[in-house]
């Protein structure tokens, strides 16, 4: 049994949110810029070395193992991939193609979608965390490109 002091204070995130953010522990929709593009930026410290984290992200076809909504990712060219995502609870299927624009081992991966939905571009950056506490992983993603 929990006491009132143990009850969570944050709002529950919506189950179908594609890009959620928290402000002071409460759900907030992502901001849009003047061109109606949505920007998401998030950073987290992970207690692992940059090489391991980079390898996980760079093994694009393995994304369904760690991303719960991704059903399939398959290589379609040297730097291009086809993604398939199931958006529950409506059971919608989204498919898109993206290409890797920059690949700096153990430091950074940048990409953009080239067809399908969602239309997005982004990058993931791997930096040593302060005090040798692992790796700071920062993801910056823009949605609505080409829209």
N, C-alpha and C. Protein backbone atom coordinates (compact mmCIF):
# COMPACT_ATOMS: atom_id res chain seq x y z
N UNK A 1 0.85 -1.18 0.00
CA UNK A 1 0.00 0.00 0.00
C UNK A 1 0.90 1.24 0.00
N UNK A 2 0.53 2.24 -0.83
CA UNK A 2 1.33 3.46 -0.89
C UNK A 2 0.68 4.54 -0.04
N UNK A 3 1.52 5.41 0.48
CA UNK A 3 1.03 6.56 1.22
C UNK A 3 0.88 7.71 0.24
N UNK A 4 0.13 8.77 0.59
CA UNK A 4 -0.01 9.91 -0.33
C UNK A 4 1.33 10.49 -0.77
N UNK A 5 2.33 10.45 0.10
CA UNK A 5 3.64 11.00 -0.25
C UNK A 5 4.34 10.16 -1.32
N UNK A 6 3.96 8.88 -1.47
CA UNK A 6 4.59 8.00 -2.45
C UNK A 6 3.90 8.02 -3.81
N UNK A 7 2.74 8.64 -3.89
CA UNK A 7 2.01 8.66 -5.15
C UNK A 7 2.74 9.53 -6.16
N UNK A 8 2.75 9.12 -7.43
CA UNK A 8 3.43 9.92 -8.45
C UNK A 8 2.79 11.30 -8.58
N UNK A 9 3.61 12.31 -8.81
CA UNK A 9 3.11 13.68 -8.94
C UNK A 9 3.03 14.14 -10.39
N UNK A 10 3.64 13.39 -11.31
CA UNK A 10 3.64 13.79 -12.72
C UNK A 10 2.40 13.28 -13.41
N UNK A 11 1.95 14.02 -14.42
CA UNK A 11 0.84 13.57 -15.24
C UNK A 11 1.27 12.35 -16.03
N UNK A 12 0.33 11.49 -16.34
CA UNK A 12 0.61 10.33 -17.17
C UNK A 12 0.77 10.79 -18.61
N UNK A 13 1.80 10.29 -19.29
CA UNK A 13 1.99 10.65 -20.69
C UNK A 13 0.93 9.97 -21.53
N UNK A 14 0.43 10.64 -22.57
CA UNK A 14 -0.57 10.02 -23.43
C UNK A 14 0.02 8.79 -24.12
N UNK A 15 -0.78 7.72 -24.28
CA UNK A 15 -0.25 6.49 -24.85
C UNK A 15 0.14 6.61 -26.33
N UNK A 16 -0.39 7.60 -27.05
CA UNK A 16 -0.10 7.70 -28.48
C UNK A 16 0.80 8.87 -28.81
N UNK A 17 1.42 9.44 -27.83
CA UNK A 17 2.29 10.58 -28.08
C UNK A 17 3.51 10.16 -28.88
N UNK A 18 3.76 10.82 -30.00
CA UNK A 18 4.93 10.51 -30.79
C UNK A 18 6.14 11.31 -30.35
N UNK A 19 5.93 12.43 -29.71
CA UNK A 19 7.04 13.29 -29.30
C UNK A 19 6.61 14.05 -28.05
N UNK A 20 6.81 13.43 -26.91
CA UNK A 20 6.36 14.03 -25.66
C UNK A 20 7.51 14.74 -24.97
N UNK A 21 7.18 15.76 -24.20
CA UNK A 21 8.18 16.42 -23.37
C UNK A 21 7.52 16.73 -22.03
N UNK A 22 8.36 16.89 -21.03
CA UNK A 22 7.88 17.21 -19.70
C UNK A 22 8.41 18.56 -19.28
N UNK A 23 7.55 19.36 -18.68
CA UNK A 23 7.94 20.64 -18.10
C UNK A 23 7.46 20.62 -16.66
N UNK A 24 8.38 20.75 -15.72
CA UNK A 24 8.06 20.68 -14.30
C UNK A 24 7.25 19.42 -13.96
N UNK A 25 7.58 18.30 -14.62
CA UNK A 25 6.93 17.04 -14.31
C UNK A 25 5.57 16.84 -14.95
N UNK A 26 5.16 17.73 -15.84
CA UNK A 26 3.85 17.62 -16.48
C UNK A 26 4.02 17.55 -17.99
N UNK A 27 3.13 16.78 -18.65
CA UNK A 27 3.17 16.65 -20.09
C UNK A 27 2.95 18.00 -20.76
N UNK A 28 3.75 18.28 -21.77
CA UNK A 28 3.59 19.50 -22.56
C UNK A 28 3.77 19.13 -24.03
N UNK A 29 2.92 19.63 -24.91
CA UNK A 29 3.11 19.32 -26.32
C UNK A 29 4.40 19.97 -26.80
N UNK A 30 5.05 19.37 -27.79
CA UNK A 30 6.30 19.96 -28.28
C UNK A 30 6.04 21.31 -28.95
N UNK A 31 7.02 22.20 -28.90
CA UNK A 31 6.84 23.52 -29.50
C UNK A 31 6.90 23.46 -31.03
N UNK A 32 6.24 24.40 -31.67
CA UNK A 32 6.32 24.54 -33.12
C UNK A 32 7.01 25.86 -33.41
N UNK A 33 7.81 25.89 -34.49
CA UNK A 33 8.42 27.15 -34.88
C UNK A 33 7.47 27.89 -35.82
N UNK A 34 7.88 29.02 -36.33
CA UNK A 34 6.98 29.84 -37.16
C UNK A 34 6.61 29.17 -38.47
N UNK A 35 7.37 28.13 -38.88
CA UNK A 35 7.06 27.40 -40.10
C UNK A 35 6.24 26.14 -39.82
N UNK A 36 5.69 26.02 -38.61
CA UNK A 36 4.89 24.88 -38.18
C UNK A 36 5.69 23.59 -38.12
N UNK A 37 6.99 23.71 -37.95
CA UNK A 37 7.83 22.54 -37.74
C UNK A 37 7.97 22.34 -36.23
N UNK A 38 7.94 21.11 -35.81
CA UNK A 38 8.07 20.78 -34.40
C UNK A 38 9.50 20.34 -34.12
N UNK A 39 10.09 20.90 -33.06
CA UNK A 39 11.46 20.56 -32.66
C UNK A 39 11.42 19.84 -31.34
N UNK A 40 12.19 18.77 -31.25
CA UNK A 40 12.34 18.02 -30.01
C UNK A 40 13.83 17.95 -29.69
N UNK A 41 14.18 18.24 -28.46
CA UNK A 41 15.56 18.08 -28.01
C UNK A 41 15.51 17.45 -26.63
N UNK A 42 16.25 16.39 -26.47
CA UNK A 42 16.31 15.74 -25.17
C UNK A 42 17.73 15.24 -24.94
N UNK A 43 18.15 15.28 -23.70
CA UNK A 43 19.47 14.78 -23.31
C UNK A 43 19.33 13.90 -22.09
N UNK A 44 20.18 12.89 -22.03
CA UNK A 44 20.18 11.98 -20.89
C UNK A 44 21.60 11.46 -20.69
N UNK A 45 21.96 11.24 -19.44
CA UNK A 45 23.24 10.61 -19.14
C UNK A 45 22.99 9.12 -18.98
N UNK A 46 23.75 8.33 -19.74
CA UNK A 46 23.63 6.88 -19.69
C UNK A 46 24.98 6.32 -19.23
N UNK A 47 24.94 5.44 -18.29
CA UNK A 47 26.17 4.87 -17.75
C UNK A 47 26.68 3.77 -18.67
N UNK A 48 27.22 4.20 -19.80
CA UNK A 48 27.82 3.30 -20.80
C UNK A 48 28.79 4.15 -21.60
N UNK A 49 29.73 3.50 -22.25
CA UNK A 49 30.68 4.30 -23.02
C UNK A 49 30.10 4.69 -24.38
N UNK A 50 30.61 5.78 -24.97
CA UNK A 50 30.06 6.27 -26.23
C UNK A 50 30.11 5.22 -27.35
N UNK A 51 31.14 4.40 -27.37
CA UNK A 51 31.28 3.39 -28.42
C UNK A 51 30.09 2.43 -28.41
N UNK A 52 29.73 1.93 -27.23
CA UNK A 52 28.62 1.00 -27.12
C UNK A 52 27.29 1.64 -27.55
N UNK A 53 27.07 2.86 -27.10
CA UNK A 53 25.81 3.56 -27.43
C UNK A 53 25.76 3.90 -28.92
N UNK A 54 26.88 4.36 -29.47
CA UNK A 54 26.94 4.65 -30.90
C UNK A 54 26.62 3.39 -31.70
N UNK A 55 27.22 2.27 -31.32
CA UNK A 55 27.00 1.02 -32.05
C UNK A 55 25.53 0.60 -31.99
N UNK A 56 24.89 0.83 -30.85
CA UNK A 56 23.47 0.49 -30.74
C UNK A 56 22.64 1.33 -31.71
N UNK A 57 22.88 2.64 -31.75
CA UNK A 57 22.13 3.52 -32.64
C UNK A 57 22.47 3.24 -34.10
N UNK A 58 23.73 2.94 -34.38
CA UNK A 58 24.16 2.76 -35.77
C UNK A 58 23.69 1.44 -36.36
N UNK A 59 23.38 0.47 -35.52
CA UNK A 59 22.81 -0.80 -35.99
C UNK A 59 21.32 -0.58 -36.22
N UNK A 60 21.02 0.18 -37.25
CA UNK A 60 19.66 0.65 -37.50
C UNK A 60 18.66 -0.50 -37.61
N UNK A 61 19.05 -1.58 -38.25
CA UNK A 61 18.12 -2.69 -38.44
C UNK A 61 17.74 -3.39 -37.13
N UNK A 62 18.48 -3.15 -36.06
CA UNK A 62 18.16 -3.73 -34.75
C UNK A 62 17.23 -2.83 -33.93
N UNK A 63 16.81 -1.69 -34.46
CA UNK A 63 15.96 -0.77 -33.71
C UNK A 63 14.70 -1.42 -33.15
N UNK A 64 14.05 -2.38 -33.83
CA UNK A 64 12.86 -3.00 -33.22
C UNK A 64 13.15 -3.70 -31.88
N UNK A 65 14.40 -4.03 -31.60
CA UNK A 65 14.74 -4.68 -30.33
C UNK A 65 14.66 -3.71 -29.15
N UNK A 66 14.87 -2.41 -29.40
CA UNK A 66 14.88 -1.44 -28.30
C UNK A 66 13.87 -0.31 -28.45
N UNK A 67 13.18 -0.25 -29.59
CA UNK A 67 12.14 0.77 -29.79
C UNK A 67 10.80 0.05 -29.92
N UNK A 68 9.97 0.18 -28.90
CA UNK A 68 8.77 -0.65 -28.80
C UNK A 68 7.76 -0.49 -29.93
N UNK A 69 7.72 0.62 -30.63
CA UNK A 69 6.74 0.80 -31.70
C UNK A 69 7.27 0.44 -33.08
N UNK A 70 8.56 0.26 -33.21
CA UNK A 70 9.14 -0.06 -34.52
C UNK A 70 8.97 -1.55 -34.79
N UNK A 71 8.35 -1.87 -35.93
CA UNK A 71 8.10 -3.26 -36.32
C UNK A 71 9.24 -3.81 -37.15
N UNK A 72 9.77 -2.98 -38.06
CA UNK A 72 10.81 -3.45 -38.97
C UNK A 72 11.64 -2.27 -39.46
N UNK A 73 12.93 -2.52 -39.65
CA UNK A 73 13.82 -1.58 -40.33
C UNK A 73 14.66 -2.43 -41.27
N UNK A 74 14.69 -2.05 -42.55
CA UNK A 74 15.52 -2.80 -43.49
C UNK A 74 16.33 -1.85 -44.35
N UNK A 75 17.55 -2.26 -44.62
CA UNK A 75 18.47 -1.48 -45.45
C UNK A 75 17.96 -1.49 -46.90
N UNK A 76 17.96 -0.31 -47.52
CA UNK A 76 17.55 -0.21 -48.92
C UNK A 76 18.67 0.32 -49.81
N UNK A 77 19.79 0.71 -49.21
CA UNK A 77 20.94 1.22 -49.94
C UNK A 77 22.09 1.40 -48.97
N UNK A 78 23.22 1.92 -49.43
CA UNK A 78 24.38 2.07 -48.55
C UNK A 78 24.11 2.92 -47.30
N UNK A 79 23.28 3.96 -47.42
CA UNK A 79 22.97 4.82 -46.27
C UNK A 79 21.48 5.07 -46.12
N UNK A 80 20.64 4.23 -46.74
CA UNK A 80 19.19 4.43 -46.67
C UNK A 80 18.51 3.21 -46.07
N UNK A 81 17.37 3.48 -45.38
CA UNK A 81 16.64 2.44 -44.68
C UNK A 81 15.14 2.70 -44.79
N UNK A 82 14.35 1.62 -44.76
CA UNK A 82 12.89 1.68 -44.73
C UNK A 82 12.45 1.31 -43.32
N UNK A 83 11.68 2.21 -42.67
CA UNK A 83 11.17 2.00 -41.32
C UNK A 83 9.68 1.70 -41.36
N UNK A 84 9.21 0.80 -40.50
CA UNK A 84 7.79 0.49 -40.35
C UNK A 84 7.48 0.58 -38.85
N UNK A 85 6.47 1.39 -38.51
CA UNK A 85 6.09 1.59 -37.12
C UNK A 85 4.60 1.34 -36.96
N UNK A 86 4.22 0.65 -35.90
CA UNK A 86 2.81 0.43 -35.58
C UNK A 86 2.45 1.38 -34.45
N UNK A 87 1.48 2.26 -34.71
CA UNK A 87 1.05 3.27 -33.73
C UNK A 87 -0.20 2.75 -33.03
N UNK A 88 -0.03 2.28 -31.82
CA UNK A 88 -1.14 1.74 -31.06
C UNK A 88 -1.80 2.86 -30.26
N UNK A 89 -3.00 2.82 -29.83
CA UNK A 89 -3.93 1.70 -29.87
C UNK A 89 -4.74 1.63 -31.16
N UNK A 90 -4.57 2.59 -32.07
CA UNK A 90 -5.36 2.61 -33.31
C UNK A 90 -4.87 1.61 -34.34
N UNK A 91 -3.73 0.99 -34.09
CA UNK A 91 -3.14 0.01 -34.98
C UNK A 91 -2.81 0.59 -36.35
N UNK A 92 -2.52 1.90 -36.38
CA UNK A 92 -2.08 2.52 -37.63
C UNK A 92 -0.65 2.08 -37.93
N UNK A 93 -0.33 1.96 -39.21
CA UNK A 93 1.02 1.62 -39.62
C UNK A 93 1.60 2.81 -40.36
N UNK A 94 2.76 3.28 -39.92
CA UNK A 94 3.47 4.36 -40.59
C UNK A 94 4.72 3.77 -41.22
N UNK A 95 5.02 4.20 -42.45
CA UNK A 95 6.22 3.75 -43.14
C UNK A 95 6.93 4.95 -43.73
N UNK A 96 8.25 4.93 -43.63
CA UNK A 96 9.04 6.01 -44.19
C UNK A 96 10.44 5.52 -44.52
N UNK A 97 11.09 6.26 -45.40
CA UNK A 97 12.47 5.99 -45.76
C UNK A 97 13.33 7.14 -45.24
N UNK A 98 14.52 6.81 -44.75
CA UNK A 98 15.43 7.87 -44.35
C UNK A 98 16.84 7.53 -44.78
N UNK A 99 17.64 8.59 -44.83
CA UNK A 99 19.05 8.41 -45.17
C UNK A 99 19.91 9.00 -44.08
N UNK A 100 21.07 8.37 -43.89
CA UNK A 100 22.04 8.89 -42.94
C UNK A 100 22.88 9.94 -43.65
N UNK A 101 22.91 11.14 -43.10
CA UNK A 101 23.63 12.25 -43.71
C UNK A 101 25.05 12.39 -43.17
N UNK A 102 25.25 12.07 -41.90
CA UNK A 102 26.57 12.18 -41.27
C UNK A 102 26.74 11.01 -40.33
N UNK A 103 27.92 10.45 -40.33
CA UNK A 103 28.22 9.32 -39.47
C UNK A 103 29.63 9.50 -38.93
N UNK A 104 29.71 9.97 -37.69
CA UNK A 104 31.00 10.19 -37.02
C UNK A 104 31.10 9.18 -35.88
N UNK A 105 31.79 8.06 -36.11
CA UNK A 105 31.82 6.98 -35.12
C UNK A 105 32.11 7.47 -33.71
N UNK A 106 31.26 6.97 -32.80
CA UNK A 106 31.33 7.25 -31.36
C UNK A 106 31.03 8.71 -31.01
N UNK A 107 30.64 9.54 -31.99
CA UNK A 107 30.37 10.97 -31.71
C UNK A 107 28.98 11.42 -32.15
N UNK A 108 28.56 11.08 -33.39
CA UNK A 108 27.35 11.72 -33.94
C UNK A 108 26.81 10.94 -35.13
N UNK A 109 25.47 10.89 -35.24
CA UNK A 109 24.78 10.36 -36.42
C UNK A 109 23.69 11.36 -36.77
N UNK A 110 23.60 11.77 -38.03
CA UNK A 110 22.54 12.69 -38.49
C UNK A 110 21.77 12.01 -39.61
N UNK A 111 20.47 12.31 -39.71
CA UNK A 111 19.61 11.67 -40.70
C UNK A 111 18.50 12.61 -41.14
N UNK A 112 17.82 12.20 -42.20
CA UNK A 112 16.59 12.89 -42.63
C UNK A 112 15.71 11.90 -43.36
N UNK A 113 14.41 12.10 -43.29
CA UNK A 113 13.49 11.25 -44.03
C UNK A 113 13.48 11.71 -45.48
N UNK A 114 13.30 10.77 -46.38
CA UNK A 114 13.28 11.10 -47.80
C UNK A 114 11.94 10.77 -48.45
N UNK A 115 11.10 9.99 -47.75
CA UNK A 115 9.74 9.73 -48.24
C UNK A 115 8.91 9.15 -47.10
N UNK A 116 7.58 9.22 -47.27
CA UNK A 116 6.68 8.67 -46.27
C UNK A 116 6.45 9.61 -45.10
N UNK A 117 5.81 9.08 -44.05
CA UNK A 117 5.54 9.84 -42.83
C UNK A 117 6.09 9.08 -41.65
N UNK A 118 6.66 9.72 -40.65
CA UNK A 118 6.74 11.16 -40.47
C UNK A 118 7.88 11.78 -41.27
N UNK A 119 7.71 13.05 -41.61
CA UNK A 119 8.77 13.80 -42.27
C UNK A 119 9.62 14.43 -41.18
N UNK A 120 10.89 14.03 -41.12
CA UNK A 120 11.72 14.51 -40.03
C UNK A 120 13.19 14.52 -40.42
N UNK A 121 13.96 15.19 -39.61
CA UNK A 121 15.42 15.20 -39.72
C UNK A 121 15.95 15.31 -38.30
N UNK A 122 17.13 14.78 -38.07
CA UNK A 122 17.65 14.87 -36.72
C UNK A 122 19.07 14.39 -36.60
N UNK A 123 19.53 14.40 -35.35
CA UNK A 123 20.86 13.89 -35.05
C UNK A 123 20.89 13.42 -33.62
N UNK A 124 21.81 12.48 -33.36
CA UNK A 124 22.08 12.03 -32.01
C UNK A 124 23.57 12.27 -31.78
N UNK A 125 23.88 12.83 -30.61
CA UNK A 125 25.26 13.20 -30.27
C UNK A 125 25.66 12.45 -29.00
N UNK A 126 26.85 11.89 -29.02
CA UNK A 126 27.38 11.14 -27.88
C UNK A 126 28.59 11.89 -27.33
N UNK A 127 28.52 12.34 -26.07
CA UNK A 127 29.61 13.08 -25.45
C UNK A 127 29.91 12.50 -24.07
N UNK A 128 31.18 12.51 -23.65
CA UNK A 128 31.48 12.06 -22.30
C UNK A 128 30.71 12.91 -21.28
N UNK A 129 30.10 12.25 -20.31
CA UNK A 129 29.36 12.97 -19.27
C UNK A 129 30.34 13.57 -18.27
N UNK A 130 29.95 14.67 -17.63
CA UNK A 130 30.83 15.27 -16.62
C UNK A 130 31.19 14.27 -15.52
N UNK A 131 32.40 14.38 -15.04
CA UNK A 131 32.84 13.55 -13.92
C UNK A 131 33.01 12.08 -14.27
N UNK A 132 33.13 11.77 -15.58
CA UNK A 132 33.31 10.38 -15.97
C UNK A 132 32.14 9.48 -15.63
N UNK A 133 30.92 10.05 -15.64
CA UNK A 133 29.73 9.30 -15.24
C UNK A 133 29.01 8.64 -16.40
N UNK A 134 29.70 8.37 -17.50
CA UNK A 134 29.04 7.72 -18.63
C UNK A 134 29.03 8.63 -19.83
N UNK A 135 27.93 8.61 -20.57
CA UNK A 135 27.82 9.35 -21.82
C UNK A 135 26.57 10.22 -21.81
N UNK A 136 26.73 11.48 -22.20
CA UNK A 136 25.59 12.37 -22.41
C UNK A 136 25.11 12.12 -23.84
N UNK A 137 23.88 11.64 -23.97
CA UNK A 137 23.28 11.38 -25.28
C UNK A 137 22.23 12.46 -25.52
N UNK A 138 22.41 13.22 -26.60
CA UNK A 138 21.48 14.30 -26.96
C UNK A 138 20.85 13.97 -28.31
N UNK A 139 19.54 14.03 -28.36
CA UNK A 139 18.80 13.82 -29.61
C UNK A 139 18.09 15.13 -29.95
N UNK A 140 18.32 15.62 -31.14
CA UNK A 140 17.64 16.80 -31.67
C UNK A 140 16.92 16.36 -32.93
N UNK A 141 15.60 16.54 -32.96
CA UNK A 141 14.83 16.10 -34.12
C UNK A 141 13.81 17.17 -34.50
N UNK A 142 13.66 17.34 -35.80
CA UNK A 142 12.72 18.31 -36.37
C UNK A 142 11.68 17.51 -37.16
N UNK A 143 10.40 17.77 -36.87
CA UNK A 143 9.29 17.11 -37.58
C UNK A 143 8.59 18.14 -38.46
N UNK A 144 8.05 17.69 -39.57
CA UNK A 144 7.32 18.58 -40.47
C UNK A 144 8.17 19.14 -41.56
N UNK A 145 9.37 18.57 -41.81
CA UNK A 145 10.21 19.08 -42.89
C UNK A 145 9.53 18.79 -44.21
N UNK A 146 9.67 19.68 -45.13
CA UNK A 146 9.07 19.49 -46.44
C UNK A 146 7.57 19.61 -46.44
N UNK A 147 6.98 19.95 -45.29
CA UNK A 147 5.51 20.04 -45.21
C UNK A 147 5.04 21.41 -45.62
